[in-house]
All heavy atoms as atom14 arrays in JSON, in Angstrom:
{
  "sequence": "QVLWIGDIYSLAIAGLLVTMGNLADRIGRKRLLLIGATAFGLASA",
  "atom14_mask": [
    [1, 1, 1, 1, 1, 1, 1, 1, 1, 0, 0, 0, 0, 0],
    [1, 1, 1, 1, 1, 1, 1, 0, 0, 0, 0, 0, 0, 0],
    [1, 1, 1, 1, 1, 1, 1, 1, 0, 0, 0, 0, 0, 0],
    [1, 1, 1, 1, 1, 1, 1, 1, 1, 1, 1, 1, 1, 1],
    [1, 1, 1, 1, 1, 1, 1, 1, 0, 0, 0, 0, 0, 0],
    [1, 1, 1, 1, 0, 0, 0, 0, 0, 0, 0, 0, 0, 0],
    [1, 1, 1, 1, 1, 1, 1, 1, 0, 0, 0, 0, 0, 0],
    [1, 1, 1, 1, 1, 1, 1, 1, 0, 0, 0, 0, 0, 0],
    [1, 1, 1, 1, 1, 1, 1, 1, 1, 1, 1, 1, 0, 0],
    [1, 1, 1, 1, 1, 1, 0, 0, 0, 0, 0, 0, 0, 0],
    [1, 1, 1, 1, 1, 1, 1, 1, 0, 0, 0, 0, 0, 0],
    [1, 1, 1, 1, 1, 0, 0, 0, 0, 0, 0, 0, 0, 0],
    [1, 1, 1, 1, 1, 1, 1, 1, 0, 0, 0, 0, 0, 0],
    [1, 1, 1, 1, 1, 0, 0, 0, 0, 0, 0, 0, 0, 0],
    [1, 1, 1, 1, 0, 0, 0, 0, 0, 0, 0, 0, 0, 0],
    [1, 1, 1, 1, 1, 1, 1, 1, 0, 0, 0, 0, 0, 0],
    [1, 1, 1, 1, 1, 1, 1, 1, 0, 0, 0, 0, 0, 0],
    [1, 1, 1, 1, 1, 1, 1, 0, 0, 0, 0, 0, 0, 0],
    [1, 1, 1, 1, 1, 1, 1, 0, 0, 0, 0, 0, 0, 0],
    [1, 1, 1, 1, 1, 1, 1, 1, 0, 0, 0, 0, 0, 0],
    [1, 1, 1, 1, 0, 0, 0, 0, 0, 0, 0, 0, 0, 0],
    [1, 1, 1, 1, 1, 1, 1, 1, 0, 0, 0, 0, 0, 0],
    [1, 1, 1, 1, 1, 1, 1, 1, 0, 0, 0, 0, 0, 0],
    [1, 1, 1, 1, 1, 0, 0, 0, 0, 0, 0, 0, 0, 0],
    [1, 1, 1, 1, 1, 1, 1, 1, 0, 0, 0, 0, 0, 0],
    [1, 1, 1, 1, 1, 1, 1, 1, 1, 1, 1, 0, 0, 0],
    [1, 1, 1, 1, 1, 1, 1, 1, 0, 0, 0, 0, 0, 0],
    [1, 1, 1, 1, 0, 0, 0, 0, 0, 0, 0, 0, 0, 0],
    [1, 1, 1, 1, 1, 1, 1, 1, 1, 1, 1, 0, 0, 0],
    [1, 1, 1, 1, 1, 1, 1, 1, 1, 0, 0, 0, 0, 0],
    [1, 1, 1, 1, 1, 1, 1, 1, 1, 1, 1, 0, 0, 0],
    [1, 1, 1, 1, 1, 1, 1, 1, 0, 0, 0, 0, 0, 0],
    [1, 1, 1, 1, 1, 1, 1, 1, 0, 0, 0, 0, 0, 0],
    [1, 1, 1, 1, 1, 1, 1, 1, 0, 0, 0, 0, 0, 0],
    [1, 1, 1, 1, 1, 1, 1, 1, 0, 0, 0, 0, 0, 0],
    [1, 1, 1, 1, 0, 0, 0, 0, 0, 0, 0, 0, 0, 0],
    [1, 1, 1, 1, 1, 0, 0, 0, 0, 0, 0, 0, 0, 0],
    [1, 1, 1, 1, 1, 1, 1, 0, 0, 0, 0, 0, 0, 0],
    [1, 1, 1, 1, 1, 0, 0, 0, 0, 0, 0, 0, 0, 0],
    [1, 1, 1, 1, 1, 1, 1, 1, 1, 1, 1, 0, 0, 0],
    [1, 1, 1, 1, 0, 0, 0, 0, 0, 0, 0, 0, 0, 0],
    [1, 1, 1, 1, 1, 1, 1, 1, 0, 0, 0, 0, 0, 0],
    [1, 1, 1, 1, 1, 0, 0, 0, 0, 0, 0, 0, 0, 0],
    [1, 1, 1, 1, 1, 1, 0, 0, 0, 0, 0, 0, 0, 0],
    [1, 1, 1, 1, 1, 0, 0, 0, 0, 0, 0, 0, 0, 0]
  ],
  "atom14_positions": [
    [[0.83, -1.21, 0.0], [0.0, -0.01, 0.0], [0.83, 1.24, 0.0], [0.5, 2.25, -0.68], [-0.94, -0.01, 1.19], [-2.13, -0.95, 1.09], [-3.01, -0.96, 2.32], [-2.47, -0.96, 3.47], [-4.32, -0.91, 2.11], [0.0, 0.0, 0.0], [0.0, 0.0, 0.0], [0.0, 0.0, 0.0], [0.0, 0.0, 0.0], [0.0, 0.0, 0.0]],
    [[2.02, 1.2, 0.7], [2.91, 2.36, 0.71], [3.41, 2.62, -0.72], [3.47, 3.83, -1.16], [4.09, 2.16, 1.66], [5.15, 3.2, 1.45], [3.65, 2.13, 3.11], [0.0, 0.0, 0.0], [0.0, 0.0, 0.0], [0.0, 0.0, 0.0], [0.0, 0.0, 0.0], [0.0, 0.0, 0.0], [0.0, 0.0, 0.0], [0.0, 0.0, 0.0]],
    [[3.73, 1.6, -1.45], [4.18, 1.77, -2.81], [3.04, 2.33, -3.69], [3.29, 3.24, -4.52], [4.67, 0.47, -3.39], [6.01, -0.08, -2.8], [6.34, -1.45, -3.39], [7.11, 0.9, -3.01], [0.0, 0.0, 0.0], [0.0, 0.0, 0.0], [0.0, 0.0, 0.0], [0.0, 0.0, 0.0], [0.0, 0.0, 0.0], [0.0, 0.0, 0.0]],
    [[1.85, 1.84, -3.52], [0.72, 2.35, -4.28], [0.43, 3.84, -3.96], [0.13, 4.61, -4.89], [-0.53, 1.5, -4.07], [-0.59, 0.29, -4.92], [-0.55, -1.03, -4.54], [-0.69, 0.24, -6.36], [-0.63, -1.88, -5.63], [-0.7, -1.15, -6.73], [-0.76, 1.22, -7.37], [-0.8, -1.53, -8.09], [-0.86, 0.83, -8.67], [-0.89, -0.55, -8.99]],
    [[0.52, 4.17, -2.72], [0.32, 5.56, -2.3], [1.33, 6.45, -3.06], [1.04, 7.54, -3.5], [0.5, 5.73, -0.81], [-0.73, 5.08, -0.09], [0.56, 7.22, -0.43], [-0.57, 5.0, 1.45], [0.0, 0.0, 0.0], [0.0, 0.0, 0.0], [0.0, 0.0, 0.0], [0.0, 0.0, 0.0], [0.0, 0.0, 0.0], [0.0, 0.0, 0.0]],
    [[2.57, 5.94, -3.17], [3.63, 6.74, -3.82], [3.49, 6.81, -5.3], [3.76, 7.89, -5.92], [0.0, 0.0, 0.0], [0.0, 0.0, 0.0], [0.0, 0.0, 0.0], [0.0, 0.0, 0.0], [0.0, 0.0, 0.0], [0.0, 0.0, 0.0], [0.0, 0.0, 0.0], [0.0, 0.0, 0.0], [0.0, 0.0, 0.0], [0.0, 0.0, 0.0]],
    [[3.09, 5.68, -6.0], [3.24, 5.73, -7.45], [1.92, 5.77, -8.22], [1.94, 5.98, -9.44], [4.07, 4.54, -7.92], [3.44, 3.2, -7.69], [2.23, 3.08, -7.6], [4.2, 2.2, -7.55], [0.0, 0.0, 0.0], [0.0, 0.0, 0.0], [0.0, 0.0, 0.0], [0.0, 0.0, 0.0], [0.0, 0.0, 0.0], [0.0, 0.0, 0.0]],
    [[0.78, 5.61, -7.58], [-0.46, 5.6, -8.36], [-0.73, 6.99, -8.93], [-1.38, 7.1, -10.0], [-1.67, 5.1, -7.49], [-2.8, 4.7, -8.42], [-2.09, 6.18, -6.48], [-3.92, 3.99, -7.7], [0.0, 0.0, 0.0], [0.0, 0.0, 0.0], [0.0, 0.0, 0.0], [0.0, 0.0, 0.0], [0.0, 0.0, 0.0], [0.0, 0.0, 0.0]],
    [[-0.25, 8.01, -8.31], [-0.42, 9.37, -8.81], [0.22, 9.5, -10.19], [-0.44, 9.93, -11.15], [0.21, 10.34, -7.81], [0.39, 11.78, -8.29], [-0.7, 12.64, -8.29], [1.64, 12.21, -8.72], [-0.51, 13.96, -8.77], [1.81, 13.52, -9.14], [0.74, 14.36, -9.19], [0.89, 15.7, -9.59], [0.0, 0.0, 0.0], [0.0, 0.0, 0.0]],
    [[1.5, 9.21, -10.31], [2.16, 9.35, -11.56], [1.69, 8.34, -12.59], [1.68, 8.58, -13.8], [3.69, 9.22, -11.39], [4.17, 10.31, -10.66], [0.0, 0.0, 0.0], [0.0, 0.0, 0.0], [0.0, 0.0, 0.0], [0.0, 0.0, 0.0], [0.0, 0.0, 0.0], [0.0, 0.0, 0.0], [0.0, 0.0, 0.0], [0.0, 0.0, 0.0]],
    [[1.29, 7.16, -12.13], [0.77, 6.14, -13.04], [-0.52, 6.62, -13.74], [-0.7, 6.44, -14.92], [0.5, 4.84, -12.28], [0.02, 3.67, -13.1], [1.08, 3.26, -14.13], [-0.32, 2.47, -12.2], [0.0, 0.0, 0.0], [0.0, 0.0, 0.0], [0.0, 0.0, 0.0], [0.0, 0.0, 0.0], [0.0, 0.0, 0.0], [0.0, 0.0, 0.0]],
    [[-1.38, 7.27, -12.96], [-2.62, 7.78, -13.51], [-2.33, 8.89, -14.54], [-2.95, 8.96, -15.62], [-3.53, 8.29, -12.37], [0.0, 0.0, 0.0], [0.0, 0.0, 0.0], [0.0, 0.0, 0.0], [0.0, 0.0, 0.0], [0.0, 0.0, 0.0], [0.0, 0.0, 0.0], [0.0, 0.0, 0.0], [0.0, 0.0, 0.0], [0.0, 0.0, 0.0]],
    [[-1.4, 9.74, -14.22], [-1.04, 10.8, -15.11], [-0.48, 10.24, -16.43], [-0.83, 10.65, -17.52], [0.01, 11.77, -14.5], [-0.63, 12.59, -13.38], [0.61, 12.69, -15.54], [0.35, 13.62, -12.73], [0.0, 0.0, 0.0], [0.0, 0.0, 0.0], [0.0, 0.0, 0.0], [0.0, 0.0, 0.0], [0.0, 0.0, 0.0], [0.0, 0.0, 0.0]],
    [[0.44, 9.25, -16.28], [1.05, 8.65, -17.5], [0.0, 8.0, -18.4], [0.05, 8.1, -19.6], [2.12, 7.61, -17.05], [0.0, 0.0, 0.0], [0.0, 0.0, 0.0], [0.0, 0.0, 0.0], [0.0, 0.0, 0.0], [0.0, 0.0, 0.0], [0.0, 0.0, 0.0], [0.0, 0.0, 0.0], [0.0, 0.0, 0.0], [0.0, 0.0, 0.0]],
    [[-0.95, 7.31, -17.77], [-1.96, 6.61, -18.59], [-2.93, 7.52, -19.23], [-3.55, 7.14, -20.26], [0.0, 0.0, 0.0], [0.0, 0.0, 0.0], [0.0, 0.0, 0.0], [0.0, 0.0, 0.0], [0.0, 0.0, 0.0], [0.0, 0.0, 0.0], [0.0, 0.0, 0.0], [0.0, 0.0, 0.0], [0.0, 0.0, 0.0], [0.0, 0.0, 0.0]],
    [[-3.11, 8.75, -18.74], [-4.15, 9.59, -19.28], [-3.64, 10.83, -19.98], [-4.46, 11.62, -20.51], [-5.03, 10.09, -18.08], [-5.93, 8.97, -17.45], [-6.59, 9.52, -16.2], [-7.0, 8.55, -18.41], [0.0, 0.0, 0.0], [0.0, 0.0, 0.0], [0.0, 0.0, 0.0], [0.0, 0.0, 0.0], [0.0, 0.0, 0.0], [0.0, 0.0, 0.0]],
    [[-2.33, 11.02, -20.04], [-1.81, 12.21, -20.65], [-2.27, 12.42, -22.1], [-2.74, 13.48, -22.51], [-0.27, 12.24, -20.63], [0.39, 12.92, -19.4], [1.88, 12.69, -19.44], [0.08, 14.42, -19.42], [0.0, 0.0, 0.0], [0.0, 0.0, 0.0], [0.0, 0.0, 0.0], [0.0, 0.0, 0.0], [0.0, 0.0, 0.0], [0.0, 0.0, 0.0]],
    [[-2.16, 11.36, -22.89], [-2.48, 11.45, -24.31], [-3.99, 11.68, -24.45], [-4.44, 12.5, -25.3], [-2.04, 10.21, -25.06], [-2.48, 10.3, -26.53], [-0.52, 10.07, -24.98], [0.0, 0.0, 0.0], [0.0, 0.0, 0.0], [0.0, 0.0, 0.0], [0.0, 0.0, 0.0], [0.0, 0.0, 0.0], [0.0, 0.0, 0.0], [0.0, 0.0, 0.0]],
    [[-4.75, 11.0, -23.61], [-6.23, 11.17, -23.65], [-6.61, 12.6, -23.35], [-7.4, 13.24, -24.03], [-6.91, 10.24, -22.62], [-6.64, 8.87, -22.98], [-8.4, 10.5, -22.55], [0.0, 0.0, 0.0], [0.0, 0.0, 0.0], [0.0, 0.0, 0.0], [0.0, 0.0, 0.0], [0.0, 0.0, 0.0], [0.0, 0.0, 0.0], [0.0, 0.0, 0.0]],
    [[-6.01, 13.16, -22.31], [-6.32, 14.52, -21.89], [-5.81, 15.52, -22.9], [-6.4, 16.6, -23.12], [-5.79, 14.85, -20.52], [-6.45, 14.0, -19.44], [-8.25, 14.24, -19.37], [-8.7, 13.12, -18.07], [0.0, 0.0, 0.0], [0.0, 0.0, 0.0], [0.0, 0.0, 0.0], [0.0, 0.0, 0.0], [0.0, 0.0, 0.0], [0.0, 0.0, 0.0]],
    [[-4.69, 15.22, -23.57], [-4.22, 16.11, -24.62], [-5.2, 16.19, -25.77], [-5.47, 17.28, -26.32], [0.0, 0.0, 0.0], [0.0, 0.0, 0.0], [0.0, 0.0, 0.0], [0.0, 0.0, 0.0], [0.0, 0.0, 0.0], [0.0, 0.0, 0.0], [0.0, 0.0, 0.0], [0.0, 0.0, 0.0], [0.0, 0.0, 0.0], [0.0, 0.0, 0.0]],
    [[-5.81, 15.07, -26.15], [-6.79, 15.07, -27.16], [-8.09, 15.83, -26.71], [-8.7, 16.54, -27.49], [-7.21, 13.62, -27.52], [-6.26, 13.0, -28.51], [-6.48, 12.94, -29.7], [-5.13, 12.53, -27.98], [0.0, 0.0, 0.0], [0.0, 0.0, 0.0], [0.0, 0.0, 0.0], [0.0, 0.0, 0.0], [0.0, 0.0, 0.0], [0.0, 0.0, 0.0]],
    [[-8.45, 15.65, -25.43], [-9.61, 16.36, -24.89], [-9.38, 17.85, -24.89], [-10.3, 18.65, -25.22], [-9.88, 15.86, -23.49], [-11.15, 16.42, -22.81], [-12.41, 16.13, -23.61], [-11.24, 15.9, -21.39], [0.0, 0.0, 0.0], [0.0, 0.0, 0.0], [0.0, 0.0, 0.0], [0.0, 0.0, 0.0], [0.0, 0.0, 0.0], [0.0, 0.0, 0.0]],
    [[-8.14, 18.26, -24.58], [-7.81, 19.71, -24.57], [-8.0, 20.31, -25.95], [-8.45, 21.48, -26.09], [-6.38, 19.93, -24.07], [0.0, 0.0, 0.0], [0.0, 0.0, 0.0], [0.0, 0.0, 0.0], [0.0, 0.0, 0.0], [0.0, 0.0, 0.0], [0.0, 0.0, 0.0], [0.0, 0.0, 0.0], [0.0, 0.0, 0.0], [0.0, 0.0, 0.0]],
    [[-7.65, 19.53, -27.0], [-7.81, 20.0, -28.34], [-9.27, 20.34, -28.67], [-9.59, 21.25, -29.46], [-7.29, 19.01, -29.36], [-5.82, 18.93, -29.36], [-5.16, 19.86, -28.9], [-5.24, 17.92, -29.86], [0.0, 0.0, 0.0], [0.0, 0.0, 0.0], [0.0, 0.0, 0.0], [0.0, 0.0, 0.0], [0.0, 0.0, 0.0], [0.0, 0.0, 0.0]],
    [[-10.17, 19.58, -28.01], [-11.58, 19.71, -28.35], [-12.24, 20.84, -27.54], [-13.0, 21.63, -28.09], [-12.31, 18.37, -28.06], [-11.83, 17.21, -28.9], [-12.59, 15.95, -28.52], [-13.96, 16.04, -28.76], [-14.59, 15.68, -29.92], [-13.84, 15.25, -30.93], [-15.87, 15.77, -30.06], [0.0, 0.0, 0.0], [0.0, 0.0, 0.0], [0.0, 0.0, 0.0]],
    [[-12.01, 20.88, -26.23], [-12.7, 21.84, -25.4], [-11.92, 23.08, -25.06], [-12.46, 24.03, -24.5], [-13.23, 21.17, -24.08], [-12.01, 20.91, -23.16], [-13.96, 19.9, -24.36], [-12.46, 20.42, -21.79], [0.0, 0.0, 0.0], [0.0, 0.0, 0.0], [0.0, 0.0, 0.0], [0.0, 0.0, 0.0], [0.0, 0.0, 0.0], [0.0, 0.0, 0.0]],
    [[-10.63, 23.1, -25.43], [-9.81, 24.27, -25.16], [-8.77, 23.96, -24.08], [-9.14, 23.38, -23.02], [0.0, 0.0, 0.0], [0.0, 0.0, 0.0], [0.0, 0.0, 0.0], [0.0, 0.0, 0.0], [0.0, 0.0, 0.0], [0.0, 0.0, 0.0], [0.0, 0.0, 0.0], [0.0, 0.0, 0.0], [0.0, 0.0, 0.0], [0.0, 0.0, 0.0]],
    [[-7.51, 24.34, -24.29], [-6.43, 23.98, -23.32], [-6.51, 24.76, -22.05], [-6.3, 24.25, -20.97], [-5.1, 24.2, -24.02], [-4.85, 23.17, -25.11], [-4.1, 23.68, -26.31], [-4.17, 22.7, -27.41], [-3.94, 23.0, -28.66], [-3.65, 24.25, -28.99], [-3.98, 22.08, -29.56], [0.0, 0.0, 0.0], [0.0, 0.0, 0.0], [0.0, 0.0, 0.0]],
    [[-6.89, 26.04, -22.16], [-7.03, 26.87, -20.99], [-8.19, 26.31, -20.1], [-8.12, 26.15, -18.89], [-7.35, 28.31, -21.34], [-7.72, 29.23, -20.16], [-8.02, 30.64, -20.61], [-8.5, 31.46, -19.44], [-8.79, 32.89, -19.92], [0.0, 0.0, 0.0], [0.0, 0.0, 0.0], [0.0, 0.0, 0.0], [0.0, 0.0, 0.0], [0.0, 0.0, 0.0]],
    [[-9.3, 26.01, -20.77], [-10.49, 25.54, -20.07], [-10.23, 24.24, -19.35], [-10.56, 24.08, -18.17], [-11.64, 25.33, -21.03], [-12.99, 24.88, -20.4], [-14.09, 24.92, -21.38], [-14.29, 26.25, -21.95], [-15.04, 26.5, -22.97], [-15.65, 25.54, -23.65], [-15.18, 27.78, -23.42], [0.0, 0.0, 0.0], [0.0, 0.0, 0.0], [0.0, 0.0, 0.0]],
    [[-9.52, 23.29, -20.03], [-9.26, 22.01, -19.33], [-8.27, 22.18, -18.21], [-8.39, 21.55, -17.17], [-8.69, 21.05, -20.4], [-8.48, 19.6, -19.86], [-9.79, 18.98, -19.48], [-7.77, 18.75, -20.91], [0.0, 0.0, 0.0], [0.0, 0.0, 0.0], [0.0, 0.0, 0.0], [0.0, 0.0, 0.0], [0.0, 0.0, 0.0], [0.0, 0.0, 0.0]],
    [[-7.28, 23.11, -18.36], [-6.36, 23.35, -17.33], [-7.1, 23.89, -16.05], [-6.79, 23.44, -14.93], [-5.31, 24.38, -17.77], [-4.16, 24.65, -16.81], [-2.89, 25.01, -17.6], [-4.47, 25.82, -15.88], [0.0, 0.0, 0.0], [0.0, 0.0, 0.0], [0.0, 0.0, 0.0], [0.0, 0.0, 0.0], [0.0, 0.0, 0.0], [0.0, 0.0, 0.0]],
    [[-8.01, 24.81, -16.25], [-8.72, 25.36, -15.1], [-9.66, 24.33, -14.46], [-9.81, 24.27, -13.24], [-9.52, 26.59, -15.52], [-8.69, 27.78, -16.06], [-9.61, 28.94, -16.41], [-7.66, 28.22, -14.97], [0.0, 0.0, 0.0], [0.0, 0.0, 0.0], [0.0, 0.0, 0.0], [0.0, 0.0, 0.0], [0.0, 0.0, 0.0], [0.0, 0.0, 0.0]],
    [[-10.31, 23.48, -15.28], [-11.14, 22.42, -14.73], [-10.3, 21.43, -13.95], [-10.63, 21.02, -12.82], [-11.88, 21.68, -15.87], [-12.92, 22.6, -16.52], [-12.55, 20.39, -15.31], [-13.58, 22.03, -17.77], [0.0, 0.0, 0.0], [0.0, 0.0, 0.0], [0.0, 0.0, 0.0], [0.0, 0.0, 0.0], [0.0, 0.0, 0.0], [0.0, 0.0, 0.0]],
    [[-9.15, 21.06, -14.53], [-8.24, 20.11, -13.87], [-7.68, 20.7, -12.57], [-7.52, 19.96, -11.57], [0.0, 0.0, 0.0], [0.0, 0.0, 0.0], [0.0, 0.0, 0.0], [0.0, 0.0, 0.0], [0.0, 0.0, 0.0], [0.0, 0.0, 0.0], [0.0, 0.0, 0.0], [0.0, 0.0, 0.0], [0.0, 0.0, 0.0], [0.0, 0.0, 0.0]],
    [[-7.35, 21.97, -12.53], [-6.79, 22.59, -11.34], [-7.86, 22.59, -10.23], [-7.51, 22.32, -9.06], [-6.37, 23.99, -11.67], [0.0, 0.0, 0.0], [0.0, 0.0, 0.0], [0.0, 0.0, 0.0], [0.0, 0.0, 0.0], [0.0, 0.0, 0.0], [0.0, 0.0, 0.0], [0.0, 0.0, 0.0], [0.0, 0.0, 0.0], [0.0, 0.0, 0.0]],
    [[-9.12, 22.82, -10.58], [-10.16, 22.81, -9.53], [-10.3, 21.36, -9.0], [-10.35, 21.2, -7.75], [-11.52, 23.22, -10.19], [-11.42, 24.54, -10.72], [-12.64, 23.16, -9.14], [0.0, 0.0, 0.0], [0.0, 0.0, 0.0], [0.0, 0.0, 0.0], [0.0, 0.0, 0.0], [0.0, 0.0, 0.0], [0.0, 0.0, 0.0], [0.0, 0.0, 0.0]],
    [[-10.3, 20.38, -9.87], [-10.41, 18.96, -9.39], [-9.16, 18.58, -8.55], [-9.28, 17.87, -7.55], [-10.51, 18.06, -10.6], [0.0, 0.0, 0.0], [0.0, 0.0, 0.0], [0.0, 0.0, 0.0], [0.0, 0.0, 0.0], [0.0, 0.0, 0.0], [0.0, 0.0, 0.0], [0.0, 0.0, 0.0], [0.0, 0.0, 0.0], [0.0, 0.0, 0.0]],
    [[-7.99, 19.13, -8.92], [-6.77, 18.86, -8.16], [-6.9, 19.4, -6.73], [-6.48, 18.73, -5.8], [-5.61, 19.46, -8.87], [-4.27, 18.92, -8.49], [-3.72, 17.84, -9.16], [-3.52, 19.51, -7.46], [-2.48, 17.33, -8.78], [-2.26, 18.98, -7.08], [-1.76, 17.89, -7.77], [0.0, 0.0, 0.0], [0.0, 0.0, 0.0], [0.0, 0.0, 0.0]],
    [[-7.44, 20.56, -6.61], [-7.65, 21.15, -5.24], [-8.58, 20.32, -4.42], [-8.27, 20.06, -3.25], [0.0, 0.0, 0.0], [0.0, 0.0, 0.0], [0.0, 0.0, 0.0], [0.0, 0.0, 0.0], [0.0, 0.0, 0.0], [0.0, 0.0, 0.0], [0.0, 0.0, 0.0], [0.0, 0.0, 0.0], [0.0, 0.0, 0.0], [0.0, 0.0, 0.0]],
    [[-9.72, 19.86, -4.99], [-10.66, 19.06, -4.26], [-10.05, 17.71, -3.83], [-10.24, 17.24, -2.71], [-11.9, 18.83, -5.09], [-12.74, 20.09, -5.41], [-13.87, 19.74, -6.36], [-13.27, 20.7, -4.12], [0.0, 0.0, 0.0], [0.0, 0.0, 0.0], [0.0, 0.0, 0.0], [0.0, 0.0, 0.0], [0.0, 0.0, 0.0], [0.0, 0.0, 0.0]],
    [[-9.29, 17.1, -4.71], [-8.64, 15.77, -4.41], [-7.59, 15.97, -3.33], [-7.38, 15.08, -2.53], [-8.06, 15.18, -5.71], [0.0, 0.0, 0.0], [0.0, 0.0, 0.0], [0.0, 0.0, 0.0], [0.0, 0.0, 0.0], [0.0, 0.0, 0.0], [0.0, 0.0, 0.0], [0.0, 0.0, 0.0], [0.0, 0.0, 0.0], [0.0, 0.0, 0.0]],
    [[-6.92, 17.14, -3.36], [-5.9, 17.39, -2.36], [-6.52, 17.42, -0.97], [-6.0, 16.92, 0.05], [-5.18, 18.72, -2.63], [-4.46, 18.62, -3.85], [0.0, 0.0, 0.0], [0.0, 0.0, 0.0], [0.0, 0.0, 0.0], [0.0, 0.0, 0.0], [0.0, 0.0, 0.0], [0.0, 0.0, 0.0], [0.0, 0.0, 0.0], [0.0, 0.0, 0.0]],
    [[-7.66, 18.06, -0.88], [-8.37, 18.15, 0.42], [-8.8, 16.76, 0.88], [-8.71, 16.44, 2.12], [-9.58, 19.08, 0.32], [0.0, 0.0, 0.0], [0.0, 0.0, 0.0], [0.0, 0.0, 0.0], [0.0, 0.0, 0.0], [0.0, 0.0, 0.0], [0.0, 0.0, 0.0], [0.0, 0.0, 0.0], [0.0, 0.0, 0.0], [0.0, 0.0, 0.0]]
  ]
}
């Protein structure tokens, strides 16, 4: 579990980067960045 706590974060980013890059092309890169930043704050809490 300690290992998963450490590496699942980067694993999720690695698996979804290309997907999110394609999504940014569709809805706008600024818009997706702001949506992602909001979600990042909530997940941090």
